[in-house]
Every structure is written in structure tokens, then in C-alpha cells.
Amino acid sequence: MAAPPATSNTNTSIAVLTSVGFKQFKAEEYANAVEGLGADIVVGLGDVPYGRSLGSKRVQKATDRSIDWLQDHVALRKKHADAPEFKGQAQLFAPLLPLSCANQQFYIDCLVDDVRDDISGLAIYNTETLQDLPEQLASLPRLDFTEPNTPLEVLRQVANGLDIVTLPFISTVTDAGIAFDFTFPGLSTIPSEPLPLGIDFWTADCATDLGPLRQGCSCYACTDHHRAFLKHLLAAKEMLGWVLLQIHNYHVMDAFFADIRASIKAGTFEADVEKFSRCYETDFPAKTGQGPR
């Protein structure tokens, strides 16, 4: 079912997509709520439209709103800095509009001149923003909200200078009944044909396979369960099947990022990305079975 038409943001609130459609959420309520969560990172509100680009006539309004919301959020943090619920404050990341910095210059100037000492990072919604990021903000960590869909896209975002990447595709692939089957930078010998990025557990041959989900994997799902059991769980629509897949897939991604960090430290990242692209297919296997929902 298609998502309902997006509701517009206002000067004091954003439209949030919920299970029952879009609801308005006040900026002040957001700041108060997230500061009490005890999170590691809090992203300030940005006037970023849902599912559509910012038109030229809309940029000024989005800039003004984002500045007001961020400044109010910073003021709230300073006002309640000594309150018990604000102890150990989260790192505040400022959202950048999905535009080049030149096209949101007033907002960029505000970040540099007014709140640079109050923010710990930047939330990025479009890599175009990174192309002309000013020197005063370039040293801040960058949180990626462009939602890459494959490991290769993740590697490209890291190459673009993004430090923390959000990965909705982990749950999407898990729901499809697929277990990740890749490492970085890849196999010691490049195969004659690119290998699949995952194992589809809806295939018939998994029903009698007593091997681990993935050979050589040390995660809980692989060390204590076999493929036939997982195949049975999926066929029976037992939620445990998808839980085990999710455990495995997160384990693979943890190792993937650890290897990325090691590659960057060794100065071989560019060559390793090239090798990975030759070892594996570009996309995950197509979904063939039913998901848990």
C-alpha cells in the first residue's frame, strides 16, 4: 500500500508519518522529548520535505525554520544543562538541508557563527551538501541519512566522507529471508563470476542442509543453529527465524565496518573497494518468499 500524501510542515511543527497517517509534532516537544532519552546522538529538527525535493521558492522558508528550531534546541540544552535528566547530554548533530551549502548559505553561516561550539556533528540528507562544505564545519562527524541500499553503496558513502551510516536495508533483507554472505574487502582470489551478497533461505535446498547459516561465521545464529532449522522456522512463520537472521546480519555488518576501519587505517581503502566490487554482485538476491509481516 502506498504511503499517504505528505502533510506540510509548519513554522512550529513537523509532519511525522505514523501508522495512522501524518501527525503534527511540535518542535519544542521534540527537543524536550529527545533530550530525556539518554541517547548517544540527537539530531536537531530540519525542515526536510518527506518524499520530495526542496524547490527554489521553498528554500528560504526551510532555512528560516531550521535555524529557529536549532537555536531553540541549543537554548533549551543550555537552560537545563544542570537538570538531572540532562546529565550526560547526547551529542547534538545539526541537520543540513538536502542542497549544496551555497544554496543554504544563510543557514551555513548561522551554524558557523552562532552554534558551532554547541553542535558535535552534521546530519546529511544529500551528498551534494558535502561538495562545498566550509572548512569551519569540515572537521565535524557526518551522519548519513541518504539510506544506501547495498554494501557497495555504503562503501561509496564512506568514500564521500560520511562517518556514520544508517542502514534500513538490514531489516529489509532480513524480512526477505536472506542471510548476508560477504566480507570486506572480499575473497583472497577474485572469483570468475561475482558472488551473491546473501543466501536466500526460501530456496528448497536449505530444507535438508545441516550446515551453519554461513560457513565460518561465529555469530550466535550460525554456531547454534543450522540452515534446515531456519528454513523450517520461516516456513512455519515463526518469528524466531527472522530474529536469528537479524542477529546474523548485524554480526556481518559489524565485521564489515570493522574491516572498513582497518582498511582506512592501512591506507588501502580505495583498492579494497575495487576488489569488493569485483568479488560480489551489486544487489542482494531478489525476494522470493514471504516476510514476517
Protein backbone atom coordinates (compact mmCIF):
# COMPACT_ATOMS: atom_id res chain seq x y z
CA MET A 1 0.00 0.00 0.00
CA ALA A 2 1.37 3.41 -0.94
CA ALA A 3 2.18 5.92 1.78
CA PRO A 4 -0.45 8.66 2.26
CA PRO A 5 0.26 12.10 0.77
CA ALA A 6 2.71 14.05 2.87
CA THR A 7 1.37 16.78 5.15
CA SER A 8 3.30 20.05 5.11
CA ASN A 9 5.47 21.21 7.98
CA THR A 10 4.62 24.47 9.73
CA ASN A 11 6.74 27.15 11.41
CA THR A 12 6.37 25.39 14.76
CA SER A 13 5.93 21.71 13.89
CA ILE A 14 6.87 18.92 11.53
CA ALA A 15 4.62 16.32 9.93
CA VAL A 16 5.52 12.81 11.12
CA LEU A 17 4.40 9.70 9.24
CA THR A 18 2.80 7.28 11.73
CA SER A 19 0.86 4.03 11.37
CA VAL A 20 -2.33 6.07 11.10
CA GLY A 21 -1.10 8.75 8.69
CA PHE A 22 0.73 12.03 9.16
CA LYS A 23 0.56 13.79 12.53
CA GLN A 24 1.93 17.20 13.52
CA PHE A 25 4.70 17.17 16.13
CA LYS A 26 5.75 20.47 17.69
CA ALA A 27 9.45 21.36 17.51
CA GLU A 28 9.50 22.28 21.22
CA GLU A 29 8.01 18.91 22.16
CA TYR A 30 10.60 17.12 20.03
CA ALA A 31 13.55 18.85 21.70
CA ASN A 32 12.23 18.14 25.19
CA ALA A 33 11.46 14.52 24.37
CA VAL A 34 14.76 13.56 22.75
CA GLU A 35 16.85 15.21 25.46
CA GLY A 36 15.33 12.88 28.03
CA LEU A 37 16.04 9.68 26.11
CA GLY A 38 19.66 9.27 27.13
CA ALA A 39 20.67 8.74 23.51
CA ASP A 40 24.24 8.98 22.23
CA ILE A 41 23.30 11.26 19.32
CA VAL A 42 20.37 13.64 18.93
CA VAL A 43 19.63 15.15 15.52
CA GLY A 44 18.04 18.58 15.53
CA LEU A 45 14.87 19.09 13.52
CA GLY A 46 15.32 20.18 9.92
CA ASP A 47 12.61 21.31 7.53
CA VAL A 48 13.29 18.45 5.12
CA PRO A 49 10.23 17.55 2.98
CA TYR A 50 9.04 13.96 3.01
CA GLY A 51 9.47 12.19 -0.33
CA ARG A 52 10.12 15.28 -2.43
CA SER A 53 12.87 17.78 -3.16
CA LEU A 54 13.10 21.36 -1.92
CA GLY A 55 12.02 23.78 -4.63
CA SER A 56 13.78 27.12 -5.00
CA LYS A 57 10.82 29.01 -3.53
CA ARG A 58 10.78 26.70 -0.52
CA VAL A 59 14.46 27.01 0.40
CA GLN A 60 14.18 30.31 2.29
CA LYS A 61 11.32 29.02 4.43
CA ALA A 62 13.17 25.77 5.15
CA THR A 63 16.30 27.69 6.07
CA ASP A 64 14.49 30.01 8.47
CA ARG A 65 12.65 27.17 10.17
CA SER A 66 15.76 25.02 10.55
CA ILE A 67 17.68 27.91 12.09
CA ASP A 68 14.89 28.73 14.54
CA TRP A 69 14.44 25.11 15.59
CA LEU A 70 18.16 24.51 16.06
CA GLN A 71 18.72 27.72 18.02
CA ASP A 72 15.75 26.94 20.26
CA HIS A 73 17.10 23.43 20.82
CA VAL A 74 20.55 24.76 21.77
CA ALA A 75 18.94 27.29 24.12
CA LEU A 76 16.93 24.51 25.78
CA ARG A 77 20.09 22.46 26.35
CA LYS A 78 21.86 25.42 27.93
CA LYS A 79 18.90 26.33 30.11
CA HIS A 80 18.56 22.83 31.56
CA ALA A 81 22.21 21.78 31.47
CA ASP A 82 22.24 21.13 35.23
CA ALA A 83 18.94 19.26 35.38
CA PRO A 84 19.26 15.55 36.36
CA GLU A 85 17.55 14.35 33.17
CA PHE A 86 20.03 16.36 31.09
CA LYS A 87 23.15 14.94 32.72
CA GLY A 88 25.43 13.30 30.18
CA GLN A 89 23.85 15.17 27.31
CA ALA A 90 23.74 13.50 23.91
CA GLN A 91 25.87 14.77 21.08
CA LEU A 92 23.78 17.26 19.09
CA PHE A 93 24.02 16.90 15.30
CA ALA A 94 22.76 19.76 13.15
CA PRO A 95 20.71 18.72 10.11
CA LEU A 96 21.75 20.17 6.75
CA LEU A 97 19.12 20.65 4.07
CA PRO A 98 19.45 18.29 1.06
CA LEU A 99 21.10 21.04 -1.01
CA SER A 100 24.55 22.35 -1.72
CA CYS A 101 25.90 24.60 1.02
CA ALA A 102 25.81 27.53 -1.42
CA ASN A 103 22.04 27.10 -1.74
CA GLN A 104 21.57 27.25 2.04
CA GLN A 105 24.28 29.78 2.77
CA PHE A 106 22.35 31.71 5.40
CA TYR A 107 21.85 28.52 7.40
CA ILE A 108 25.52 27.55 6.98
CA ASP A 109 26.57 31.00 8.21
CA CYS A 110 24.35 30.53 11.26
CA LEU A 111 25.99 27.19 12.05
CA VAL A 112 29.47 28.66 11.71
CA ASP A 113 28.87 31.94 13.53
CA ASP A 114 26.23 31.16 16.14
CA VAL A 115 26.14 27.49 17.17
CA ARG A 116 29.43 25.95 16.01
CA ASP A 117 30.56 25.35 19.60
CA ASP A 118 27.19 23.83 20.54
CA ILE A 119 26.99 21.10 17.90
CA SER A 120 29.01 17.90 17.69
CA GLY A 121 28.24 16.76 14.15
CA LEU A 122 26.20 17.13 10.97
CA ALA A 123 23.25 15.10 9.65
CA ILE A 124 23.49 14.72 5.87
CA TYR A 125 20.48 14.04 3.64
CA ASN A 126 22.19 14.52 0.26
CA THR A 127 25.86 14.05 -0.63
CA GLU A 128 25.65 17.23 -2.74
CA THR A 129 25.93 19.06 0.60
CA LEU A 130 29.46 17.73 1.10
CA GLN A 131 30.83 19.17 -2.13
CA ASP A 132 31.17 22.72 -0.79
CA LEU A 133 31.14 22.17 2.97
CA PRO A 134 33.03 25.10 4.57
CA GLU A 135 36.28 24.49 6.37
CA GLN A 136 34.79 25.53 9.73
CA LEU A 137 32.37 22.56 9.59
CA ALA A 138 34.51 20.06 7.70
CA SER A 139 36.03 18.53 10.83
CA LEU A 140 32.65 17.58 12.34
CA PRO A 141 31.49 13.94 12.13
CA ARG A 142 28.85 13.33 9.45
CA LEU A 143 25.78 11.15 9.99
CA ASP A 144 24.37 9.77 6.74
CA PHE A 145 20.59 9.77 6.17
CA THR A 146 20.75 9.05 2.43
CA GLU A 147 19.90 5.39 3.20
CA PRO A 148 22.24 3.34 0.97
CA ASN A 149 20.68 0.07 -0.18
CA THR A 150 23.71 -2.20 -0.63
CA PRO A 151 27.17 -2.73 0.88
CA LEU A 152 28.77 -1.18 -2.21
CA GLU A 153 26.67 1.96 -1.77
CA VAL A 154 27.82 2.07 1.86
CA LEU A 155 31.44 1.95 0.70
CA ARG A 156 30.78 4.81 -1.71
CA GLN A 157 29.26 6.89 1.08
CA VAL A 158 32.30 6.24 3.27
CA ALA A 159 34.48 7.32 0.34
CA ASN A 160 32.38 10.50 0.13
CA GLY A 161 33.37 11.36 3.71
CA LEU A 162 30.39 10.09 5.71
CA ASP A 163 31.31 8.73 9.13
CA ILE A 164 28.11 7.14 10.49
CA VAL A 165 25.72 5.37 8.13
CA THR A 166 22.07 4.45 8.69
CA LEU A 167 21.18 1.05 7.18
CA PRO A 168 17.46 0.33 6.75
CA PHE A 169 18.38 -2.38 4.24
CA ILE A 170 19.42 -4.70 7.09
CA SER A 171 15.79 -5.13 8.16
CA THR A 172 14.54 -5.19 4.56
CA VAL A 173 16.89 -8.03 3.61
CA THR A 174 16.18 -9.89 6.86
CA ASP A 175 12.43 -9.66 6.25
CA ALA A 176 13.04 -11.20 2.81
CA GLY A 177 14.56 -14.29 4.47
CA ILE A 178 18.10 -13.57 3.28
CA ALA A 179 21.29 -14.02 5.29
CA PHE A 180 24.26 -11.76 4.47
CA ASP A 181 27.19 -13.62 2.91
CA PHE A 182 30.04 -11.20 2.27
CA THR A 183 33.23 -9.87 3.81
CA PHE A 184 35.35 -6.82 3.15
CA PRO A 185 37.41 -6.50 1.04
CA GLY A 186 36.35 -9.91 -0.29
CA LEU A 187 37.92 -13.25 -1.08
CA SER A 188 41.66 -13.74 -1.40
CA THR A 189 41.12 -14.82 -5.02
CA ILE A 190 38.65 -12.89 -7.14
CA PRO A 191 36.01 -15.33 -8.47
CA SER A 192 35.35 -15.73 -12.19
CA GLU A 193 31.77 -14.57 -11.58
CA PRO A 194 30.64 -12.16 -8.83
CA LEU A 195 29.21 -13.98 -5.81
CA PRO A 196 25.75 -13.32 -4.30
CA LEU A 197 25.67 -10.94 -1.33
CA GLY A 198 23.29 -13.19 0.54
CA ILE A 199 21.75 -16.64 0.96
CA ASP A 200 18.01 -16.93 0.25
CA PHE A 201 16.55 -19.26 2.86
CA TRP A 202 13.34 -19.74 0.93
CA THR A 203 15.15 -21.99 -1.57
CA ALA A 204 14.36 -25.70 -1.37
CA ASP A 205 17.95 -26.87 -0.86
CA CYS A 206 18.07 -25.21 2.60
CA ALA A 207 15.40 -27.62 3.88
CA THR A 208 17.86 -30.51 4.32
CA ASP A 209 21.12 -28.58 4.84
CA LEU A 210 22.56 -29.14 8.33
CA GLY A 211 25.38 -26.64 7.88
CA PRO A 212 25.54 -23.21 9.55
CA LEU A 213 23.73 -20.25 8.06
CA ARG A 214 27.08 -19.14 6.65
CA GLN A 215 30.30 -21.12 6.65
CA GLY A 216 32.91 -19.75 9.06
CA CYS A 217 30.56 -17.29 10.80
CA SER A 218 30.92 -17.09 14.59
CA CYS A 219 27.59 -15.39 15.39
CA TYR A 220 25.06 -17.00 17.75
CA ALA A 221 22.70 -17.93 14.92
CA CYS A 222 25.42 -19.77 12.97
CA THR A 223 27.14 -21.51 15.89
CA ASP A 224 23.95 -22.88 17.50
CA HIS A 225 21.57 -23.46 14.56
CA HIS A 226 21.61 -24.94 11.06
CA ARG A 227 20.06 -23.97 7.75
CA ALA A 228 17.31 -26.59 7.79
CA PHE A 229 16.08 -25.35 11.19
CA LEU A 230 15.99 -21.75 9.98
CA LYS A 231 14.19 -22.79 6.80
CA HIS A 232 11.60 -24.62 8.94
CA LEU A 233 11.07 -21.53 11.12
CA LEU A 234 10.46 -19.32 8.10
CA ALA A 235 8.07 -21.80 6.50
CA ALA A 236 6.17 -22.10 9.79
CA LYS A 237 6.11 -18.28 10.12
CA GLU A 238 7.87 -18.50 13.46
CA MET A 239 9.25 -15.06 14.36
CA LEU A 240 12.37 -16.71 15.78
CA GLY A 241 13.51 -17.37 12.22
CA TRP A 242 13.71 -13.68 11.39
CA VAL A 243 15.24 -12.92 14.79
CA LEU A 244 18.10 -15.36 14.07
CA LEU A 245 18.57 -13.86 10.62
CA GLN A 246 18.72 -10.37 12.10
CA ILE A 247 21.32 -11.47 14.66
CA HIS A 248 23.45 -12.91 11.88
CA ASN A 249 23.05 -9.93 9.56
CA TYR A 250 24.03 -7.44 12.27
CA HIS A 251 27.07 -9.58 13.08
CA VAL A 252 28.16 -9.49 9.43
CA MET A 253 27.71 -5.70 9.27
CA ASP A 254 29.68 -5.22 12.49
CA ALA A 255 32.59 -7.14 10.94
CA PHE A 256 32.12 -5.22 7.67
CA PHE A 257 32.59 -1.85 9.39
CA ALA A 258 35.49 -3.13 11.50
CA ASP A 259 37.24 -4.15 8.29
CA ILE A 260 36.47 -0.78 6.71
CA ARG A 261 38.13 1.00 9.63
CA ALA A 262 41.16 -1.29 9.36
CA SER A 263 41.36 -0.66 5.61
CA ILE A 264 41.25 3.12 6.07
CA LYS A 265 43.93 2.91 8.76
CA ALA A 266 46.14 0.79 6.45
CA GLY A 267 45.68 3.22 3.56
CA THR A 268 44.25 0.55 1.23
CA PHE A 269 40.58 1.56 1.24
CA GLU A 270 40.30 2.60 -2.42
CA ALA A 271 41.92 -0.62 -3.67
CA ASP A 272 39.84 -2.70 -1.26
CA VAL A 273 36.59 -1.16 -2.52
CA GLU A 274 37.62 -2.03 -6.08
CA LYS A 275 38.30 -5.61 -5.01
CA PHE A 276 34.96 -5.88 -3.21
CA SER A 277 33.10 -4.66 -6.30
CA ARG A 278 34.74 -7.45 -8.33
CA CYS A 279 34.06 -10.16 -5.77
CA TYR A 280 30.35 -9.60 -5.23
CA GLU A 281 27.18 -8.83 -7.13
CA THR A 282 25.89 -5.27 -6.96
CA ASP A 283 22.49 -6.07 -5.42
CA PHE A 284 21.09 -8.52 -2.91
CA PRO A 285 19.19 -11.57 -4.19
CA ALA A 286 15.59 -10.83 -5.13
CA LYS A 287 12.94 -11.62 -2.55
CA THR A 288 11.25 -14.96 -3.25
CA GLY A 289 9.33 -15.69 -0.03
CA GLN A 290 7.03 -14.00 2.42
CA GLY A 291 8.13 -11.69 5.19
CA PRO A 292 7.12 -11.81 8.84
CA ARG A 293 4.51 -9.08 8.42
